Amino acid sequence: MHTAPAPRPAARKTPRKAALASFLGSTLEYYDFFIYGTAAALVFPHLFFPSADPALGLVAAFATFGVAYVARPVGGLVMGHFGDKLGRKKILLLTLGIMGLASLGIGFLPSYEQVGIWAPILLVAGRLAQGFSAGAESAGASTLTLEHSPEGKRGFYTSFVMTGYASGMVLATLVFIPVTALPQEAMMSWGWRIPFWLSIVVLGIAYWVRTHLDETPVFEEAQEKRQVAPMPLKEVLKFQGPDVLRVVGMSIMSVMQTIFTVFGLAYATSTAGFDRASILTVNAVAIGLSMFAMPLAATLSDRIGRRPVLLTAAIGCSVTIFLYFLALSSGNIVLVFLAALLNMTVLYSGFNGIWPSFFAEQFAAPVRYTGMAMGNQLGLVVAGFGPMIAGLLLVPGVTGWVPVAVFATVCMLIAAASVYFSRETYRTPIEELGGPYLAGTARRRELLAQEELAAQQQPARPALQRP
């Protein structure tokens, strides 16, 4: 006598565990991402791109920083496809491994003086692997946390994806402060490698937490009802193409982050005359405090809506970036800190704390990972090359930074327009998110049902009789 298999227990939401897993994973991803950005501003021009003109070496190093943002859409599309088909958790474990091993590998690379052209080639390969991983991480972590979050608090819990960004940035900066204090020869030979080697510690902790996390109830329900999209990319472009484009536009706001953290660091130390430790400390404090500002902004968005907070952030950042560069030009470190606090801690947190939930909420569950990853990572290509573009726009003189600030402002206005034309989602139940996809697939099922009914109702054709 055969007994029926025991029913699988109902999927359970674990918002705190999901938020912790996303926080730790994002900490690793952005720690690795920002140690590269810091090294690109301070070390790599000399070790991997030696040139008679230091400015050319700096632009080349910034170009390798931007290369990762070209790989990010590829990583987002590939991993988003499998994340929507196989599950969020499995793919997020894979992205952690790729990022950790890529960063560890960069820490062992020989310099241009040692192996010639192979040094920058290997550096670019490691950076591409970092970008591939990061392209899948933010969308996957946002999707996983959103789908574990209770209604009315989705913004708050999902904001921990980007508090991980702040944590990783602070860790990267704090690790580099003692490195920059080393004698020049020691820093250039082995000191810069230590931050890359340390990434293995964060990798181990984050991997352990994620292995103990359940798959999201939303995905498991889609599997049981056989609603998993067979080709998520094709489906999201068919039904939610305009939403993807709006997410691309909103993601361009991340130019503010790369201008501040990467180009701003290089400008402050090479043109404005600040010492490295002072600017790294300002960045660490300003972004470290945003770890508290982002959940507050997200909580506000759970009460009054995502769009008002995002619009305030975009417009406010476009004004305060001018104040930040003015402060750098003044040579006064106190003014620099106050401008950084206003621009990055207060205003940019209004974007950084909310986009993980808002972008994910634009899409229906069967295409959520793919749609968010594709839109977000395509927009981030502009952000990735932001420091390089800024380096090309910079002109000699005390006000040579003005074209850079104008470029950042244009990006903010594009983001603001994209926010304005996006759907408000903070009160929409999770099963009703991604309305265009739900309506389109419902209509498709209705048409298929009508075709099947019509086929059943057709009279059978009489068999042909032989004469």
Protein backbone atom coordinates (compact mmCIF):
# COMPACT_ATOMS: atom_id res chain seq x y z
CA MET A 1 0.00 0.00 0.00
CA HIS A 2 1.44 3.29 -1.14
CA THR A 3 1.11 6.35 1.07
CA ALA A 4 0.82 9.80 -0.41
CA PRO A 5 3.92 11.96 0.05
CA ALA A 6 3.71 14.41 2.91
CA PRO A 7 2.80 17.90 1.74
CA ARG A 8 5.67 20.35 1.69
CA PRO A 9 5.40 22.84 4.57
CA ALA A 10 4.19 26.28 3.58
CA ALA A 11 6.94 28.70 2.73
CA ARG A 12 7.66 31.08 5.56
CA LYS A 13 8.81 34.68 5.35
CA THR A 14 11.93 35.45 7.37
CA PRO A 15 12.48 39.18 6.82
CA ARG A 16 15.20 39.66 9.44
CA LYS A 17 17.28 36.74 8.24
CA ALA A 18 16.84 37.83 4.62
CA ALA A 19 17.85 41.40 5.48
CA LEU A 20 20.96 40.14 7.32
CA ALA A 21 21.93 37.86 4.42
CA SER A 22 21.52 40.70 1.93
CA PHE A 23 23.42 43.11 4.18
CA LEU A 24 26.42 40.76 4.50
CA GLY A 25 26.42 39.84 0.81
CA SER A 26 26.25 43.47 -0.24
CA THR A 27 28.99 44.32 2.26
CA LEU A 28 31.31 41.87 0.49
CA GLU A 29 30.28 42.99 -3.00
CA TYR A 30 30.77 46.68 -2.31
CA TYR A 31 33.85 46.22 -0.15
CA ASP A 32 35.50 44.51 -3.11
CA PHE A 33 34.08 47.02 -5.55
CA PHE A 34 35.31 50.05 -3.60
CA ILE A 35 38.77 48.78 -2.72
CA TYR A 36 39.22 48.60 -6.47
CA GLY A 37 37.93 52.16 -6.90
CA THR A 38 40.26 53.43 -4.18
CA ALA A 39 43.22 51.57 -5.66
CA ALA A 40 42.31 52.91 -9.12
CA ALA A 41 42.50 56.46 -7.77
CA LEU A 42 45.68 56.06 -5.70
CA VAL A 43 47.78 53.10 -6.87
CA PHE A 44 46.88 51.48 -10.19
CA PRO A 45 47.92 54.39 -12.47
CA HIS A 46 51.51 53.88 -11.30
CA LEU A 47 51.58 50.06 -11.15
CA PHE A 48 49.52 49.01 -14.15
CA PHE A 49 49.36 52.07 -16.45
CA PRO A 50 52.71 53.87 -16.24
CA SER A 51 52.76 56.94 -18.48
CA ALA A 52 54.80 60.08 -18.95
CA ASP A 53 51.55 61.98 -18.40
CA PRO A 54 50.04 61.12 -14.96
CA ALA A 55 46.62 62.29 -16.14
CA LEU A 56 46.58 59.65 -18.90
CA GLY A 57 47.48 56.94 -16.40
CA LEU A 58 44.64 58.07 -14.13
CA VAL A 59 42.10 58.07 -16.99
CA ALA A 60 43.26 54.56 -17.99
CA ALA A 61 42.83 53.32 -14.40
CA PHE A 62 39.35 54.88 -14.24
CA ALA A 63 38.54 53.14 -17.53
CA THR A 64 39.22 49.76 -15.90
CA PHE A 65 36.93 50.84 -13.05
CA GLY A 66 34.23 51.47 -15.66
CA VAL A 67 34.84 48.16 -17.46
CA ALA A 68 33.16 46.36 -14.57
CA TYR A 69 29.98 48.29 -15.29
CA VAL A 70 30.00 46.92 -18.83
CA ALA A 71 30.13 43.41 -17.39
CA ARG A 72 27.38 44.14 -14.87
CA PRO A 73 24.47 44.01 -17.38
CA VAL A 74 25.81 40.69 -18.69
CA GLY A 75 25.97 39.30 -15.16
CA GLY A 76 22.52 40.67 -14.42
CA LEU A 77 20.99 39.09 -17.53
CA VAL A 78 22.65 35.70 -17.15
CA MET A 79 22.14 35.36 -13.40
CA GLY A 80 18.74 37.06 -13.53
CA HIS A 81 17.55 34.43 -16.02
CA PHE A 82 18.59 31.59 -13.73
CA GLY A 83 17.44 33.43 -10.61
CA ASP A 84 13.91 33.63 -12.05
CA LYS A 85 14.02 29.98 -13.17
CA LEU A 86 15.98 28.17 -10.45
CA GLY A 87 15.56 30.40 -7.40
CA ARG A 88 17.05 33.49 -5.77
CA LYS A 89 19.14 31.74 -3.11
CA LYS A 90 21.20 29.46 -5.40
CA ILE A 91 22.28 32.29 -7.66
CA LEU A 92 23.18 34.59 -4.78
CA LEU A 93 25.53 31.94 -3.38
CA LEU A 94 27.23 31.72 -6.76
CA THR A 95 27.67 35.49 -7.09
CA LEU A 96 29.38 35.62 -3.69
CA GLY A 97 31.95 33.05 -4.77
CA ILE A 98 32.73 34.82 -8.04
CA MET A 99 33.27 38.19 -6.36
CA GLY A 100 35.39 36.84 -3.53
CA LEU A 101 37.71 34.82 -5.77
CA ALA A 102 38.07 37.65 -8.30
CA SER A 103 39.11 40.11 -5.59
CA LEU A 104 41.53 37.66 -4.04
CA GLY A 105 43.08 37.11 -7.47
CA ILE A 106 43.59 40.85 -8.05
CA GLY A 107 45.53 40.98 -4.79
CA PHE A 108 48.12 38.58 -6.25
CA LEU A 109 48.60 40.27 -9.63
CA PRO A 110 52.10 41.26 -10.82
CA SER A 111 52.74 44.85 -11.89
CA TYR A 112 53.43 46.24 -15.37
CA GLU A 113 57.11 46.47 -14.52
CA GLN A 114 57.17 42.72 -13.82
CA VAL A 115 55.16 41.23 -16.70
CA GLY A 116 54.47 44.11 -19.07
CA ILE A 117 51.18 44.25 -20.95
CA TRP A 118 49.88 41.12 -19.19
CA ALA A 119 49.50 43.10 -15.96
CA PRO A 120 46.68 45.42 -17.18
CA ILE A 121 45.12 42.52 -19.14
CA LEU A 122 44.87 40.38 -16.00
CA LEU A 123 43.63 43.37 -14.02
CA VAL A 124 40.83 43.94 -16.52
CA ALA A 125 39.92 40.23 -16.40
CA GLY A 126 39.59 40.38 -12.62
CA ARG A 127 37.56 43.55 -12.85
CA LEU A 128 35.22 41.97 -15.42
CA ALA A 129 34.60 39.07 -13.02
CA GLN A 130 33.83 41.55 -10.24
CA GLY A 131 31.38 43.37 -12.49
CA PHE A 132 29.68 40.13 -13.61
CA SER A 133 29.10 39.18 -9.99
CA ALA A 134 27.97 42.64 -8.84
CA GLY A 135 25.49 42.82 -11.72
CA ALA A 136 23.61 39.87 -10.29
CA GLU A 137 24.05 40.65 -6.60
CA SER A 138 22.09 43.85 -6.09
CA ALA A 139 19.03 42.72 -8.07
CA GLY A 140 19.08 39.27 -6.50
CA ALA A 141 19.49 40.52 -2.95
CA SER A 142 16.77 43.13 -3.47
CA THR A 143 14.38 40.56 -4.93
CA LEU A 144 15.04 38.04 -2.18
CA THR A 145 14.62 40.55 0.64
CA LEU A 146 11.53 42.17 -0.88
CA GLU A 147 9.82 38.78 -1.23
CA HIS A 148 10.56 37.94 2.41
CA SER A 149 9.34 41.33 3.71
CA PRO A 150 5.95 41.96 5.37
CA GLU A 151 3.50 44.32 3.66
CA GLY A 152 3.93 47.93 4.70
CA LYS A 153 7.63 47.43 5.57
CA ARG A 154 9.09 46.33 2.25
CA GLY A 155 11.06 49.54 1.86
CA PHE A 156 12.60 49.28 5.33
CA TYR A 157 13.77 45.67 5.11
CA THR A 158 14.99 45.93 1.52
CA SER A 159 17.03 49.05 2.37
CA PHE A 160 19.52 46.75 4.12
CA VAL A 161 20.76 45.72 0.70
CA MET A 162 22.30 49.19 0.40
CA THR A 163 23.30 49.58 4.02
CA GLY A 164 25.60 46.74 3.00
CA TYR A 165 26.91 49.09 0.31
CA ALA A 166 27.70 51.68 3.00
CA SER A 167 29.25 49.07 5.27
CA GLY A 168 31.43 47.76 2.44
CA MET A 169 32.48 51.29 1.47
CA VAL A 170 33.42 52.14 5.06
CA LEU A 171 35.37 48.90 5.46
CA ALA A 172 37.20 49.52 2.19
CA THR A 173 38.08 53.07 3.23
CA LEU A 174 39.15 52.13 6.77
CA VAL A 175 41.38 49.35 5.45
CA PHE A 176 43.05 51.75 3.00
CA ILE A 177 43.73 54.49 5.57
CA PRO A 178 46.62 52.61 7.27
CA VAL A 179 47.78 51.38 3.85
CA THR A 180 48.16 54.96 2.62
CA ALA A 181 50.14 55.77 5.77
CA LEU A 182 52.83 53.25 4.78
CA PRO A 183 56.04 54.44 3.14
CA GLN A 184 55.47 54.94 -0.60
CA GLU A 185 57.64 51.97 -1.60
CA ALA A 186 55.90 49.59 0.83
CA MET A 187 52.43 50.73 -0.24
CA MET A 188 53.22 50.25 -3.92
CA SER A 189 54.87 46.85 -3.51
CA TRP A 190 52.69 44.92 -1.04
CA GLY A 191 50.56 47.30 1.04
CA TRP A 192 47.84 47.81 -1.59
CA ARG A 193 47.32 44.04 -1.80
CA ILE A 194 46.18 43.61 1.82
CA PRO A 195 42.63 45.01 1.31
CA PHE A 196 42.06 42.53 -1.55
CA TRP A 197 43.31 39.58 0.51
CA LEU A 198 41.03 40.49 3.43
CA SER A 199 37.91 40.05 1.27
CA ILE A 200 38.12 36.30 1.93
CA VAL A 201 37.03 36.92 5.56
CA VAL A 202 33.82 38.72 4.56
CA LEU A 203 33.18 36.06 1.92
CA GLY A 204 33.26 33.26 4.49
CA ILE A 205 30.81 34.98 6.87
CA ALA A 206 28.36 36.00 4.13
CA TYR A 207 28.41 32.55 2.50
CA TRP A 208 27.62 30.83 5.79
CA VAL A 209 24.62 33.10 6.47
CA ARG A 210 23.20 32.63 2.98
CA THR A 211 23.40 28.85 3.13
CA HIS A 212 21.06 29.00 6.14
CA LEU A 213 18.45 31.14 4.37
CA ASP A 214 15.21 29.74 2.88
CA GLU A 215 14.10 30.36 -0.69
CA THR A 216 11.45 33.10 -0.96
CA PRO A 217 7.78 32.13 -0.53
CA VAL A 218 6.90 34.05 -3.71
CA PHE A 219 9.25 31.97 -5.86
CA GLU A 220 8.21 28.67 -4.26
CA GLU A 221 4.56 29.52 -4.89
CA ALA A 222 5.32 30.33 -8.53
CA GLN A 223 7.06 26.96 -8.86
CA GLU A 224 4.12 25.08 -7.36
CA LYS A 225 1.63 26.85 -9.64
CA ARG A 226 3.93 26.39 -12.65
CA GLN A 227 4.07 30.13 -13.25
CA VAL A 228 7.85 30.31 -13.62
CA ALA A 229 8.59 32.18 -16.85
CA PRO A 230 10.30 29.89 -19.41
CA MET A 231 12.24 32.82 -20.93
CA PRO A 232 12.24 35.69 -18.39
CA LEU A 233 14.10 38.15 -20.65
CA LYS A 234 11.69 37.68 -23.54
CA GLU A 235 8.70 37.91 -21.20
CA VAL A 236 9.82 41.08 -19.39
CA LEU A 237 10.62 42.87 -22.64
CA LYS A 238 7.26 41.86 -24.12
CA PHE A 239 5.09 42.96 -21.20
CA GLN A 240 7.23 45.40 -19.18
CA GLY A 241 9.67 46.97 -21.62
CA PRO A 242 8.75 50.55 -20.57
CA ASP A 243 9.39 49.64 -16.91
CA VAL A 244 12.86 48.39 -17.82
CA LEU A 245 13.59 51.71 -19.57
CA ARG A 246 12.40 53.73 -16.58
CA VAL A 247 14.65 51.72 -14.26
CA VAL A 248 17.56 52.41 -16.64
CA GLY A 249 16.87 56.14 -16.33
CA MET A 250 16.55 56.05 -12.54
CA SER A 251 19.77 54.03 -12.19
CA ILE A 252 21.76 56.80 -13.87
CA MET A 253 21.48 58.64 -10.55
CA SER A 254 24.31 56.37 -9.33
CA VAL A 255 26.66 58.67 -11.25
CA MET A 256 26.52 60.81 -8.10
CA GLN A 257 27.99 57.97 -6.06
CA THR A 258 30.94 57.24 -8.39
CA ILE A 259 31.70 60.95 -8.93
CA PHE A 260 31.82 61.46 -5.16
CA THR A 261 33.71 58.33 -4.12
CA VAL A 262 36.15 57.81 -7.02
CA PHE A 263 36.61 61.02 -9.02
CA GLY A 264 36.18 63.22 -5.94
CA LEU A 265 38.95 61.31 -4.16
CA ALA A 266 41.34 61.72 -7.08
CA TYR A 267 40.46 65.42 -7.54
CA ALA A 268 40.84 66.18 -3.83
CA THR A 269 44.28 64.56 -3.56
CA SER A 270 45.81 65.47 -6.94
CA THR A 271 44.28 68.91 -7.67
CA ALA A 272 42.79 70.38 -4.49
CA GLY A 273 45.83 69.50 -2.36
CA PHE A 274 44.23 67.42 0.41
CA ASP A 275 46.14 64.49 1.89
CA ARG A 276 44.77 61.02 1.22
CA ALA A 277 43.97 60.10 4.82
CA SER A 278 41.82 63.23 5.38
CA ILE A 279 39.60 62.67 2.32
CA LEU A 280 39.32 58.93 2.96
CA THR A 281 38.20 59.72 6.50
CA VAL A 282 35.60 62.23 5.30
CA ASN A 283 34.25 59.64 2.83
CA ALA A 284 34.17 56.93 5.47
CA VAL A 285 32.24 59.08 7.96
CA ALA A 286 29.79 60.52 5.40
CA ILE A 287 28.94 57.14 3.90
CA GLY A 288 29.10 55.38 7.25
CA LEU A 289 26.41 57.67 8.64
CA SER A 290 24.25 56.85 5.62
CA MET A 291 23.89 53.36 7.10
CA PHE A 292 21.45 55.01 9.51
CA ALA A 293 19.99 57.49 7.02
CA MET A 294 19.02 54.87 4.44
CA PRO A 295 16.65 52.82 6.66
CA LEU A 296 15.08 56.10 7.84
CA ALA A 297 14.50 57.22 4.25
CA ALA A 298 13.08 53.81 3.39
CA THR A 299 10.75 53.90 6.40
CA LEU A 300 9.54 57.33 5.27
CA SER A 301 8.87 55.89 1.81
CA ASP A 302 6.76 53.13 3.42
CA ARG A 303 4.55 55.90 4.82
CA ILE A 304 4.38 58.63 2.16
CA GLY A 305 5.49 56.78 -0.98
CA ARG A 306 8.71 56.04 -2.87
CA ARG A 307 8.44 58.75 -5.52
CA PRO A 308 8.42 61.87 -3.28
CA VAL A 309 11.58 60.78 -1.46
CA LEU A 310 13.36 59.81 -4.70
CA LEU A 311 12.51 63.11 -6.38
CA THR A 312 13.76 65.07 -3.37
CA ALA A 313 17.02 63.11 -3.45
CA ALA A 314 17.59 63.66 -7.17
CA ILE A 315 16.96 67.39 -7.11
CA GLY A 316 18.85 67.92 -3.85
CA CYS A 317 21.94 66.04 -5.05
CA SER A 318 22.06 68.07 -8.27
CA VAL A 319 22.42 71.23 -6.18
CA THR A 320 24.74 70.00 -3.43
CA ILE A 321 27.33 68.49 -5.79
CA PHE A 322 28.26 72.09 -6.66
CA LEU A 323 28.65 72.82 -2.94
CA TYR A 324 30.90 69.78 -2.53
CA PHE A 325 33.33 70.84 -5.28
CA LEU A 326 33.26 74.43 -4.03
CA ALA A 327 34.27 73.13 -0.62
CA LEU A 328 37.11 71.09 -2.15
CA SER A 329 38.32 74.20 -3.99
CA SER A 330 38.33 76.18 -0.72
CA GLY A 331 40.87 73.85 0.86
CA ASN A 332 38.85 73.81 4.12
CA ILE A 333 38.37 70.22 5.36
CA VAL A 334 35.47 71.22 7.66
CA LEU A 335 33.52 72.66 4.73
CA VAL A 336 34.32 69.53 2.71
CA PHE A 337 32.91 67.34 5.49
CA LEU A 338 29.71 69.41 5.82
CA ALA A 339 29.13 69.38 2.05
CA ALA A 340 29.79 65.62 1.92
CA LEU A 341 27.37 65.08 4.81
CA LEU A 342 24.60 67.00 3.03
CA ASN A 343 25.17 65.53 -0.41
CA MET A 344 25.94 61.89 0.37
CA THR A 345 24.60 61.17 3.88
CA VAL A 346 21.33 63.11 3.83
CA LEU A 347 20.24 63.43 0.21
CA TYR A 348 21.80 60.54 -1.68
CA SER A 349 20.56 58.18 1.04
CA GLY A 350 17.05 59.09 -0.11
CA PHE A 351 17.86 57.33 -3.37
CA ASN A 352 20.19 54.60 -2.13
CA GLY A 353 17.87 53.40 0.61
CA ILE A 354 14.79 53.18 -1.62
CA TRP A 355 15.80 51.99 -5.06
CA PRO A 356 16.22 48.31 -4.01
CA SER A 357 12.53 48.08 -3.12
CA PHE A 358 11.19 50.51 -5.75
CA PHE A 359 12.97 48.91 -8.70
CA ALA A 360 11.99 45.39 -7.63
CA GLU A 361 8.38 46.49 -7.09
CA GLN A 362 8.08 47.55 -10.72
CA PHE A 363 8.12 43.91 -11.86
CA ALA A 364 5.98 40.80 -11.39
CA ALA A 365 7.52 37.85 -9.54
CA PRO A 366 8.21 35.59 -12.58
CA VAL A 367 10.40 38.28 -14.21
CA ARG A 368 11.41 40.36 -11.18
CA TYR A 369 15.08 39.34 -10.95
CA THR A 370 15.66 39.67 -14.71
CA GLY A 371 13.74 42.93 -15.17
CA MET A 372 15.37 44.68 -12.24
CA ALA A 373 18.87 43.41 -13.07
CA MET A 374 18.67 44.44 -16.71
CA GLY A 375 17.28 47.94 -16.09
CA ASN A 376 19.50 48.68 -13.11
CA GLN A 377 22.74 47.43 -14.63
CA LEU A 378 22.28 49.12 -18.01
CA GLY A 379 21.82 52.44 -16.20
CA LEU A 380 24.89 51.76 -14.08
CA VAL A 381 27.10 51.59 -17.18
CA VAL A 382 26.92 55.41 -17.24
CA ALA A 383 27.80 55.51 -13.54
CA GLY A 384 30.74 53.19 -14.05
CA PHE A 385 32.31 55.45 -16.63
CA GLY A 386 31.33 58.56 -14.64
CA PRO A 387 34.83 59.02 -13.13
CA MET A 388 36.47 58.64 -16.57
CA ILE A 389 34.01 61.09 -18.16
CA ALA A 390 34.61 63.48 -15.28
CA GLY A 391 38.38 63.18 -15.79
CA LEU A 392 37.94 64.11 -19.46
CA LEU A 393 35.63 67.04 -18.61
CA LEU A 394 37.93 68.49 -15.96
CA VAL A 395 39.69 71.64 -17.18
CA PRO A 396 42.58 73.59 -15.62
CA GLY A 397 41.83 76.32 -13.11
CA VAL A 398 40.05 76.81 -9.80
CA THR A 399 36.62 76.32 -11.42
CA GLY A 400 37.74 73.50 -13.71
CA TRP A 401 35.35 71.15 -11.87
CA VAL A 402 32.21 72.99 -13.09
CA PRO A 403 31.71 70.82 -16.22
CA VAL A 404 31.91 67.75 -13.97
CA ALA A 405 29.16 69.10 -11.68
CA VAL A 406 27.02 69.98 -14.71
CA PHE A 407 27.42 66.42 -16.03
CA ALA A 408 26.30 65.03 -12.65
CA THR A 409 23.30 67.41 -12.59
CA VAL A 410 22.15 66.31 -16.06
CA CYS A 411 22.25 62.70 -14.86
CA MET A 412 20.17 63.64 -11.81
CA LEU A 413 17.53 65.31 -13.98
CA ILE A 414 17.26 62.21 -16.19
CA ALA A 415 16.76 60.13 -13.05
CA ALA A 416 14.15 62.54 -11.68
CA ALA A 417 12.13 62.41 -14.92
CA SER A 418 12.22 58.59 -14.84
CA VAL A 419 10.98 58.56 -11.24
CA TYR A 420 8.17 60.97 -12.10
CA PHE A 421 6.83 58.68 -14.85
CA SER A 422 7.09 55.47 -12.79
CA ARG A 423 4.22 53.81 -10.92
CA GLU A 424 3.95 54.38 -7.18
CA THR A 425 4.09 50.98 -5.49
CA TYR A 426 4.41 51.36 -1.73
CA ARG A 427 0.79 50.36 -1.07
CA THR A 428 0.48 47.72 -3.80
CA PRO A 429 0.22 44.14 -2.42
CA ILE A 430 3.18 42.03 -3.52
CA GLU A 431 1.04 39.65 -5.58
CA GLU A 432 -0.29 42.62 -7.61
CA LEU A 433 3.10 44.15 -8.45
CA GLY A 434 4.06 44.25 -12.12
CA GLY A 435 0.56 45.06 -13.38
CA PRO A 436 1.42 45.13 -17.12
CA TYR A 437 2.93 41.64 -16.92
CA LEU A 438 0.00 40.26 -14.92
CA ALA A 439 -2.53 41.80 -17.32
CA GLY A 440 -0.63 40.60 -20.38
CA THR A 441 -0.23 37.02 -19.20
CA ALA A 442 -3.86 36.89 -18.00
CA ARG A 443 -4.98 38.01 -21.46
CA ARG A 444 -2.73 35.42 -23.06
CA ARG A 445 -4.19 32.63 -20.89
CA GLU A 446 -7.70 33.85 -21.75
CA LEU A 447 -6.99 33.71 -25.49
CA LEU A 448 -5.48 30.23 -25.19
CA ALA A 449 -8.54 29.04 -23.27
CA GLN A 450 -10.82 30.47 -25.96
CA GLU A 451 -8.82 28.73 -28.69
CA GLU A 452 -9.00 25.41 -26.85
CA LEU A 453 -12.74 25.81 -26.32
CA ALA A 454 -13.29 26.67 -29.98
CA ALA A 455 -11.28 23.62 -31.04
CA GLN A 456 -13.35 21.36 -28.80
CA GLN A 457 -16.62 22.76 -30.15
CA GLN A 458 -15.75 22.21 -33.83
CA PRO A 459 -17.71 19.25 -35.29
CA ALA A 460 -15.62 16.26 -36.20
CA ARG A 461 -14.95 16.02 -39.95
CA PRO A 462 -16.57 12.93 -41.51
CA ALA A 463 -14.15 10.25 -42.61
CA LEU A 464 -13.68 9.95 -46.38
CA GLN A 465 -15.29 6.82 -47.85
CA ARG A 466 -13.70 4.92 -50.67
CA PRO A 467 -15.91 4.54 -53.74
